[in-house]
Amino acid sequence: MELDSKELTPVINRLKRAQGQLAAVTRMLEEGRDCKDVVTQLAAVSKALDRAGFVIIATGLEQCIRSDDPGMDKKDLEKLFLSLA
């Protein structure tokens, strides 16, 4: 099943922001910044990636239900959800 990229524009934007945040974390480490600040930014990146993953899976599930895609069964969707846990 292919995802509709138009529906995922907010997710794409979120991932681009996370990419910028991750680059900032790398810079912070290279600059020897405070551990607390680095971990805070790293947690923000992690949360953004998790949320993006959940939206992608939810969108895929919604599309699967609408199209009655036989290629994606309940067990496959469950594995996708658990991969983010």
PDB file of N, CA and C in Angstrom:
ATOM      1  N   MET A   1       0.834  -1.168   0.000  1.00  0.00           N
ATOM      2  CA  MET A   1       0.000   0.000   0.000  1.00  0.00           C
ATOM      3  C   MET A   1       0.888   1.243   0.000  1.00  0.00           C
ATOM      4  N   GLU A   2       0.612   2.146  -0.909  1.00  0.00           N
ATOM      5  CA  GLU A   2       1.350   3.404  -0.975  1.00  0.00           C
ATOM      6  C   GLU A   2       0.560   4.486  -0.255  1.00  0.00           C
ATOM      7  N   LEU A   3       1.271   5.317   0.461  1.00  0.00           N
ATOM      8  CA  LEU A   3       0.628   6.393   1.208  1.00  0.00           C
ATOM      9  C   LEU A   3       0.467   7.622   0.330  1.00  0.00           C
ATOM     10  N   ASP A   4      -0.596   8.362   0.579  1.00  0.00           N
ATOM     11  CA  ASP A   4      -0.864   9.602  -0.145  1.00  0.00           C
ATOM     12  C   ASP A   4       0.010  10.710   0.446  1.00  0.00           C
ATOM     13  N   SER A   5       0.962  11.202  -0.345  1.00  0.00           N
ATOM     14  CA  SER A   5       1.900  12.205   0.180  1.00  0.00           C
ATOM     15  C   SER A   5       1.215  13.515   0.534  1.00  0.00           C
ATOM     16  N   LYS A   6       0.100  13.828  -0.125  1.00  0.00           N
ATOM     17  CA  LYS A   6      -0.616  15.066   0.202  1.00  0.00           C
ATOM     18  C   LYS A   6      -1.189  15.006   1.608  1.00  0.00           C
ATOM     19  N   GLU A   7      -1.667  13.838   1.993  1.00  0.00           N
ATOM     20  CA  GLU A   7      -2.202  13.671   3.347  1.00  0.00           C
ATOM     21  C   GLU A   7      -1.098  13.760   4.389  1.00  0.00           C
ATOM     22  N   LEU A   8       0.122  13.455   3.980  1.00  0.00           N
ATOM     23  CA  LEU A   8       1.225  13.390   4.928  1.00  0.00           C
ATOM     24  C   LEU A   8       2.090  14.646   4.941  1.00  0.00           C
ATOM     25  N   THR A   9       1.637  15.722   4.318  1.00  0.00           N
ATOM     26  CA  THR A   9       2.415  16.969   4.312  1.00  0.00           C
ATOM     27  C   THR A   9       2.783  17.423   5.723  1.00  0.00           C
ATOM     28  N   PRO A  10       1.855  17.394   6.695  1.00  0.00           N
ATOM     29  CA  PRO A  10       2.255  17.790   8.060  1.00  0.00           C
ATOM     30  C   PRO A  10       3.337  16.872   8.641  1.00  0.00           C
ATOM     31  N   VAL A  11       3.296  15.596   8.304  1.00  0.00           N
ATOM     32  CA  VAL A  11       4.305  14.659   8.797  1.00  0.00           C
ATOM     33  C   VAL A  11       5.661  14.970   8.164  1.00  0.00           C
ATOM     34  N   ILE A  12       5.650  15.248   6.881  1.00  0.00           N
ATOM     35  CA  ILE A  12       6.890  15.601   6.188  1.00  0.00           C
ATOM     36  C   ILE A  12       7.496  16.851   6.820  1.00  0.00           C
ATOM     37  N   ASN A  13       6.660  17.831   7.106  1.00  0.00           N
ATOM     38  CA  ASN A  13       7.144  19.054   7.758  1.00  0.00           C
ATOM     39  C   ASN A  13       7.706  18.758   9.145  1.00  0.00           C
ATOM     40  N   ARG A  14       7.035  17.888   9.880  1.00  0.00           N
ATOM     41  CA  ARG A  14       7.507  17.512  11.220  1.00  0.00           C
ATOM     42  C   ARG A  14       8.867  16.814  11.128  1.00  0.00           C
ATOM     43  N   LEU A  15       9.027  15.948  10.142  1.00  0.00           N
ATOM     44  CA  LEU A  15      10.298  15.243   9.978  1.00  0.00           C
ATOM     45  C   LEU A  15      11.428  16.201   9.588  1.00  0.00           C
ATOM     46  N   LYS A  16      11.103  17.193   8.787  1.00  0.00           N
ATOM     47  CA  LYS A  16      12.118  18.190   8.425  1.00  0.00           C
ATOM     48  C   LYS A  16      12.552  18.985   9.651  1.00  0.00           C
ATOM     49  N   ARG A  17      11.589  19.331  10.512  1.00  0.00           N
ATOM     50  CA  ARG A  17      11.935  20.030  11.751  1.00  0.00           C
ATOM     51  C   ARG A  17      12.804  19.142  12.642  1.00  0.00           C
ATOM     52  N   ALA A  18      12.431  17.859  12.718  1.00  0.00           N
ATOM     53  CA  ALA A  18      13.204  16.919  13.536  1.00  0.00           C
ATOM     54  C   ALA A  18      14.622  16.780  12.989  1.00  0.00           C
ATOM     55  N   GLN A  19      14.744  16.803  11.684  1.00  0.00           N
ATOM     56  CA  GLN A  19      16.068  16.726  11.066  1.00  0.00           C
ATOM     57  C   GLN A  19      16.918  17.930  11.494  1.00  0.00           C
ATOM     58  N   GLY A  20      16.313  19.095  11.518  1.00  0.00           N
ATOM     59  CA  GLY A  20      17.012  20.295  11.978  1.00  0.00           C
ATOM     60  C   GLY A  20      17.380  20.206  13.451  1.00  0.00           C
ATOM     61  N   GLN A  21      16.455  19.670  14.243  1.00  0.00           N
ATOM     62  CA  GLN A  21      16.727  19.508  15.674  1.00  0.00           C
ATOM     63  C   GLN A  21      17.885  18.533  15.895  1.00  0.00           C
ATOM     64  N   LEU A  22      17.904  17.462  15.120  1.00  0.00           N
ATOM     65  CA  LEU A  22      18.978  16.480  15.269  1.00  0.00           C
ATOM     66  C   LEU A  22      20.327  17.086  14.884  1.00  0.00           C
ATOM     67  N   ALA A  23      20.346  17.895  13.844  1.00  0.00           N
ATOM     68  CA  ALA A  23      21.579  18.583  13.464  1.00  0.00           C
ATOM     69  C   ALA A  23      22.026  19.506  14.599  1.00  0.00           C
ATOM     70  N   ALA A  24      21.061  20.142  15.259  1.00  0.00           N
ATOM     71  CA  ALA A  24      21.386  21.015  16.393  1.00  0.00           C
ATOM     72  C   ALA A  24      21.980  20.212  17.545  1.00  0.00           C
ATOM     73  N   VAL A  25      21.459  19.012  17.777  1.00  0.00           N
ATOM     74  CA  VAL A  25      21.992  18.157  18.838  1.00  0.00           C
ATOM     75  C   VAL A  25      23.449  17.811  18.529  1.00  0.00           C
ATOM     76  N   THR A  26      23.711  17.468  17.285  1.00  0.00           N
ATOM     77  CA  THR A  26      25.086  17.150  16.883  1.00  0.00           C
ATOM     78  C   THR A  26      26.009  18.341  17.120  1.00  0.00           C
ATOM     79  N   ARG A  27      25.551  19.531  16.724  1.00  0.00           N
ATOM     80  CA  ARG A  27      26.354  20.738  16.946  1.00  0.00           C
ATOM     81  C   ARG A  27      26.592  20.973  18.438  1.00  0.00           C
ATOM     82  N   MET A  28      25.545  20.773  19.220  1.00  0.00           N
ATOM     83  CA  MET A  28      25.660  20.980  20.664  1.00  0.00           C
ATOM     84  C   MET A  28      26.729  20.054  21.260  1.00  0.00           C
ATOM     85  N   LEU A  29      26.741  18.811  20.801  1.00  0.00           N
ATOM     86  CA  LEU A  29      27.742  17.869  21.297  1.00  0.00           C
ATOM     87  C   LEU A  29      29.144  18.286  20.876  1.00  0.00           C
ATOM     88  N   GLU A  30      29.266  18.709  19.622  1.00  0.00           N
ATOM     89  CA  GLU A  30      30.568  19.152  19.117  1.00  0.00           C
ATOM     90  C   GLU A  30      31.070  20.380  19.872  1.00  0.00           C
ATOM     91  N   GLU A  31      30.150  21.214  20.326  1.00  0.00           N
ATOM     92  CA  GLU A  31      30.511  22.436  21.042  1.00  0.00           C
ATOM     93  C   GLU A  31      30.701  22.207  22.543  1.00  0.00           C
ATOM     94  N   GLY A  32      30.420  20.985  22.997  1.00  0.00           N
ATOM     95  CA  GLY A  32      30.575  20.674  24.414  1.00  0.00           C
ATOM     96  C   GLY A  32      29.515  21.311  25.290  1.00  0.00           C
ATOM     97  N   ARG A  33      28.303  21.436  24.757  1.00  0.00           N
ATOM     98  CA  ARG A  33      27.225  22.082  25.511  1.00  0.00           C
ATOM     99  C   ARG A  33      26.812  21.248  26.715  1.00  0.00           C
ATOM    100  N   ASP A  34      26.037  21.863  27.578  1.00  0.00           N
ATOM    101  CA  ASP A  34      25.548  21.243  28.805  1.00  0.00           C
ATOM    102  C   ASP A  34      24.728  19.988  28.499  1.00  0.00           C
ATOM    103  N   CYS A  35      24.990  18.955  29.280  1.00  0.00           N
ATOM    104  CA  CYS A  35      24.323  17.658  29.100  1.00  0.00           C
ATOM    105  C   CYS A  35      22.801  17.794  29.139  1.00  0.00           C
ATOM    106  N   LYS A  36      22.295  18.579  30.070  1.00  0.00           N
ATOM    107  CA  LYS A  36      20.849  18.738  30.219  1.00  0.00           C
ATOM    108  C   LYS A  36      20.231  19.326  28.950  1.00  0.00           C
ATOM    109  N   ASP A  37      20.870  20.317  28.366  1.00  0.00           N
ATOM    110  CA  ASP A  37      20.362  20.932  27.137  1.00  0.00           C
ATOM    111  C   ASP A  37      20.379  19.946  25.975  1.00  0.00           C
ATOM    112  N   VAL A  38      21.451  19.156  25.877  1.00  0.00           N
ATOM    113  CA  VAL A  38      21.570  18.172  24.803  1.00  0.00           C
ATOM    114  C   VAL A  38      20.472  17.120  24.931  1.00  0.00           C
ATOM    115  N   VAL A  39      20.297  16.606  26.132  1.00  0.00           N
ATOM    116  CA  VAL A  39      19.283  15.559  26.349  1.00  0.00           C
ATOM    117  C   VAL A  39      17.882  16.101  26.094  1.00  0.00           C
ATOM    118  N   THR A  40      17.621  17.334  26.488  1.00  0.00           N
ATOM    119  CA  THR A  40      16.314  17.946  26.239  1.00  0.00           C
ATOM    120  C   THR A  40      16.022  18.012  24.739  1.00  0.00           C
ATOM    121  N   GLN A  41      17.019  18.450  23.966  1.00  0.00           N
ATOM    122  CA  GLN A  41      16.830  18.520  22.512  1.00  0.00           C
ATOM    123  C   GLN A  41      16.703  17.136  21.893  1.00  0.00           C
ATOM    124  N   LEU A  42      17.468  16.189  22.392  1.00  0.00           N
ATOM    125  CA  LEU A  42      17.400  14.822  21.885  1.00  0.00           C
ATOM    126  C   LEU A  42      16.029  14.212  22.166  1.00  0.00           C
ATOM    127  N   ALA A  43      15.469  14.504  23.329  1.00  0.00           N
ATOM    128  CA  ALA A  43      14.129  14.019  23.669  1.00  0.00           C
ATOM    129  C   ALA A  43      13.085  14.625  22.730  1.00  0.00           C
ATOM    130  N   ALA A  44      13.264  15.883  22.371  1.00  0.00           N
ATOM    131  CA  ALA A  44      12.335  16.533  21.441  1.00  0.00           C
ATOM    132  C   ALA A  44      12.390  15.868  20.065  1.00  0.00           C
ATOM    133  N   VAL A  45      13.591  15.529  19.620  1.00  0.00           N
ATOM    134  CA  VAL A  45      13.746  14.839  18.332  1.00  0.00           C
ATOM    135  C   VAL A  45      13.059  13.479  18.388  1.00  0.00           C
ATOM    136  N   SER A  46      13.296  12.760  19.465  1.00  0.00           N
ATOM    137  CA  SER A  46      12.715  11.430  19.619  1.00  0.00           C
ATOM    138  C   SER A  46      11.184  11.484  19.609  1.00  0.00           C
ATOM    139  N   LYS A  47      10.627  12.446  20.324  1.00  0.00           N
ATOM    140  CA  LYS A  47       9.173  12.597  20.383  1.00  0.00           C
ATOM    141  C   LYS A  47       8.610  12.942  19.005  1.00  0.00           C
ATOM    142  N   ALA A  48       9.296  13.821  18.275  1.00  0.00           N
ATOM    143  CA  ALA A  48       8.840  14.203  16.932  1.00  0.00           C
ATOM    144  C   ALA A  48       8.843  12.998  15.997  1.00  0.00           C
ATOM    145  N   LEU A  49       9.876  12.169  16.090  1.00  0.00           N
ATOM    146  CA  LEU A  49       9.940  10.982  15.242  1.00  0.00           C
ATOM    147  C   LEU A  49       8.847   9.979  15.607  1.00  0.00           C
ATOM    148  N   ASP A  50       8.633   9.792  16.901  1.00  0.00           N
ATOM    149  CA  ASP A  50       7.571   8.880  17.341  1.00  0.00           C
ATOM    150  C   ASP A  50       6.210   9.336  16.831  1.00  0.00           C
ATOM    151  N   ARG A  51       5.923  10.613  16.993  1.00  0.00           N
ATOM    152  CA  ARG A  51       4.627  11.136  16.538  1.00  0.00           C
ATOM    153  C   ARG A  51       4.470  11.003  15.035  1.00  0.00           C
ATOM    154  N   ALA A  52       5.540  11.267  14.303  1.00  0.00           N
ATOM    155  CA  ALA A  52       5.482  11.116  12.848  1.00  0.00           C
ATOM    156  C   ALA A  52       5.185   9.666  12.486  1.00  0.00           C
ATOM    157  N   GLY A  53       5.832   8.743  13.159  1.00  0.00           N
ATOM    158  CA  GLY A  53       5.589   7.320  12.896  1.00  0.00           C
ATOM    159  C   GLY A  53       4.154   6.926  13.181  1.00  0.00           C
ATOM    160  N   PHE A  54       3.603   7.409  14.284  1.00  0.00           N
ATOM    161  CA  PHE A  54       2.223   7.072  14.621  1.00  0.00           C
ATOM    162  C   PHE A  54       1.243   7.645  13.587  1.00  0.00           C
ATOM    163  N   VAL A  55       1.510   8.861  13.121  1.00  0.00           N
ATOM    164  CA  VAL A  55       0.634   9.457  12.106  1.00  0.00           C
ATOM    165  C   VAL A  55       0.719   8.669  10.805  1.00  0.00           C
ATOM    166  N   ILE A  56       1.919   8.260  10.432  1.00  0.00           N
ATOM    167  CA  ILE A  56       2.075   7.468   9.212  1.00  0.00           C
ATOM    168  C   ILE A  56       1.308   6.161   9.315  1.00  0.00           C
ATOM    169  N   ILE A  57       1.431   5.492  10.445  1.00  0.00           N
ATOM    170  CA  ILE A  57       0.718   4.217  10.625  1.00  0.00           C
ATOM    171  C   ILE A  57      -0.790   4.442  10.647  1.00  0.00           C
ATOM    172  N   ALA A  58      -1.242   5.474  11.349  1.00  0.00           N
ATOM    173  CA  ALA A  58      -2.680   5.756  11.411  1.00  0.00           C
ATOM    174  C   ALA A  58      -3.228   6.088  10.025  1.00  0.00           C
ATOM    175  N   THR A  59      -2.467   6.852   9.252  1.00  0.00           N
ATOM    176  CA  THR A  59      -2.896   7.187   7.891  1.00  0.00           C
ATOM    177  C   THR A  59      -2.959   5.933   7.038  1.00  0.00           C
ATOM    178  N   GLY A  60      -1.959   5.089   7.166  1.00  0.00           N
ATOM    179  CA  GLY A  60      -1.960   3.823   6.428  1.00  0.00           C
ATOM    180  C   GLY A  60      -3.125   2.945   6.817  1.00  0.00           C
ATOM    181  N   LEU A  61      -3.433   2.888   8.103  1.00  0.00           N
ATOM    182  CA  LEU A  61      -4.563   2.099   8.575  1.00  0.00           C
ATOM    183  C   LEU A  61      -5.867   2.635   7.995  1.00  0.00           C
ATOM    184  N   GLU A  62      -6.017   3.948   8.022  1.00  0.00           N
ATOM    185  CA  GLU A  62      -7.226   4.562   7.481  1.00  0.00           C
ATOM    186  C   GLU A  62      -7.367   4.261   5.991  1.00  0.00           C
ATOM    187  N   GLN A  63      -6.273   4.392   5.254  1.00  0.00           N
ATOM    188  CA  GLN A  63      -6.319   4.099   3.820  1.00  0.00           C
ATOM    189  C   GLN A  63      -6.597   2.625   3.573  1.00  0.00           C
ATOM    190  N   CYS A  64      -6.030   1.774   4.406  1.00  0.00           N
ATOM    191  CA  CYS A  64      -6.241   0.329   4.277  1.00  0.00           C
ATOM    192  C   CYS A  64      -7.714  -0.022   4.486  1.00  0.00           C
ATOM    193  N   ILE A  65      -8.312   0.600   5.485  1.00  0.00           N
ATOM    194  CA  ILE A  65      -9.727   0.337   5.773  1.00  0.00           C
ATOM    195  C   ILE A  65     -10.600   0.830   4.630  1.00  0.00           C
ATOM    196  N   ARG A  66     -10.285   2.025   4.112  1.00  0.00           N
ATOM    197  CA  ARG A  66     -11.071   2.585   3.009  1.00  0.00           C
ATOM    198  C   ARG A  66     -10.958   1.751   1.743  1.00  0.00           C
ATOM    199  N   SER A  67      -9.762   1.229   1.481  1.00  0.00           N
ATOM    200  CA  SER A  67      -9.553   0.510   0.223  1.00  0.00           C
ATOM    201  C   SER A  67      -9.735  -0.990   0.364  1.00  0.00           C
ATOM    202  N   ASP A  68      -9.862  -1.467   1.586  1.00  0.00           N
ATOM    203  CA  ASP A  68      -9.970  -2.902   1.855  1.00  0.00           C
ATOM    204  C   ASP A  68      -8.801  -3.636   1.205  1.00  0.00           C
ATOM    205  N   ASP A  69      -7.595  -3.145   1.477  1.00  0.00           N
ATOM    206  CA  ASP A  69      -6.362  -3.692   0.909  1.00  0.00           C
ATOM    207  C   ASP A  69      -6.084  -5.076   1.487  1.00  0.00           C
ATOM    208  N   PRO A  70      -6.095  -6.107   0.662  1.00  0.00           N
ATOM    209  CA  PRO A  70      -5.824  -7.449   1.169  1.00  0.00           C
ATOM    210  C   PRO A  70      -4.346  -7.672   1.504  1.00  0.00           C
ATOM    211  N   GLY A  71      -3.474  -6.774   1.036  1.00  0.00           N
ATOM    212  CA  GLY A  71      -2.043  -6.921   1.284  1.00  0.00           C
ATOM    213  C   GLY A  71      -1.625  -6.522   2.689  1.00  0.00           C
ATOM    214  N   MET A  72      -2.509  -5.897   3.435  1.00  0.00           N
ATOM    215  CA  MET A  72      -2.176  -5.439   4.786  1.00  0.00           C
ATOM    216  C   MET A  72      -3.217  -6.002   5.738  1.00  0.00           C
ATOM    217  N   ASP A  73      -2.796  -6.950   6.570  1.00  0.00           N
ATOM    218  CA  ASP A  73      -3.743  -7.521   7.515  1.00  0.00           C
ATOM    219  C   ASP A  73      -3.499  -6.970   8.917  1.00  0.00           C
ATOM    220  N   LYS A  74      -4.352  -7.376   9.841  1.00  0.00           N
ATOM    221  CA  LYS A  74      -4.298  -6.862  11.208  1.00  0.00           C
ATOM    222  C   LYS A  74      -2.939  -7.141  11.850  1.00  0.00           C
ATOM    223  N   LYS A  75      -2.382  -8.300  11.597  1.00  0.00           N
ATOM    224  CA  LYS A  75      -1.096  -8.667  12.193  1.00  0.00           C
ATOM    225  C   LYS A  75       0.026  -7.755  11.682  1.00  0.00           C
ATOM    226  N   ASP A  76      -0.003  -7.422  10.399  1.00  0.00           N
ATOM    227  CA  ASP A  76       0.999  -6.513   9.836  1.00  0.00           C
ATOM    228  C   ASP A  76       0.908  -5.130  10.489  1.00  0.00           C
ATOM    229  N   LEU A  77      -0.318  -4.629  10.653  1.00  0.00           N
ATOM    230  CA  LEU A  77      -0.503  -3.323  11.281  1.00  0.00           C
ATOM    231  C   LEU A  77      -0.054  -3.344  12.734  1.00  0.00           C
ATOM    232  N   GLU A  78      -0.342  -4.437  13.422  1.00  0.00           N
ATOM    233  CA  GLU A  78       0.084  -4.571  14.813  1.00  0.00           C
ATOM    234  C   GLU A  78       1.612  -4.534  14.909  1.00  0.00           C
ATOM    235  N   LYS A  79       2.303  -5.203  14.001  1.00  0.00           N
ATOM    236  CA  LYS A  79       3.758  -5.187  13.990  1.00  0.00           C
ATOM    237  C   LYS A  79       4.293  -3.772  13.774  1.00  0.00           C
ATOM    238  N   LEU A  80       3.641  -3.030  12.888  1.00  0.00           N
ATOM    239  CA  LEU A  80       4.068  -1.650  12.648  1.00  0.00           C
ATOM    240  C   LEU A  80       3.934  -0.812  13.906  1.00  0.00           C
ATOM    241  N   PHE A  81       2.791  -0.919  14.570  1.00  0.00           N
ATOM    242  CA  PHE A  81       2.592  -0.171  15.814  1.00  0.00           C
ATOM    243  C   PHE A  81       3.649  -0.549  16.862  1.00  0.00           C
ATOM    244  N   LEU A  82       3.887  -1.843  17.007  1.00  0.00           N
ATOM    245  CA  LEU A  82       4.831  -2.291  18.023  1.00  0.00           C
ATOM    246  C   LEU A  82       6.265  -1.898  17.693  1.00  0.00           C
ATOM    247  N   SER A  83       6.555  -1.709  16.423  1.00  0.00           N
ATOM    248  CA  SER A  83       7.913  -1.307  16.061  1.00  0.00           C
ATOM    249  C   SER A  83       8.254   0.074  16.591  1.00  0.00           C
ATOM    250  N   LEU A  84       7.249   0.877  16.901  1.00  0.00           N
ATOM    251  CA  LEU A  84       7.472   2.207  17.456  1.00  0.00           C
ATOM    252  C   LEU A  84       7.500   2.220  18.980  1.00  0.00           C
ATOM    253  N   ALA A  85       7.140   1.102  19.577  1.00  0.00           N
ATOM    254  CA  ALA A  85       7.064   1.057  21.042  1.00  0.00           C
ATOM    255  C   ALA A  85       8.439   1.000  21.675  1.00  0.00           C
TER     256      ALA A  85
END
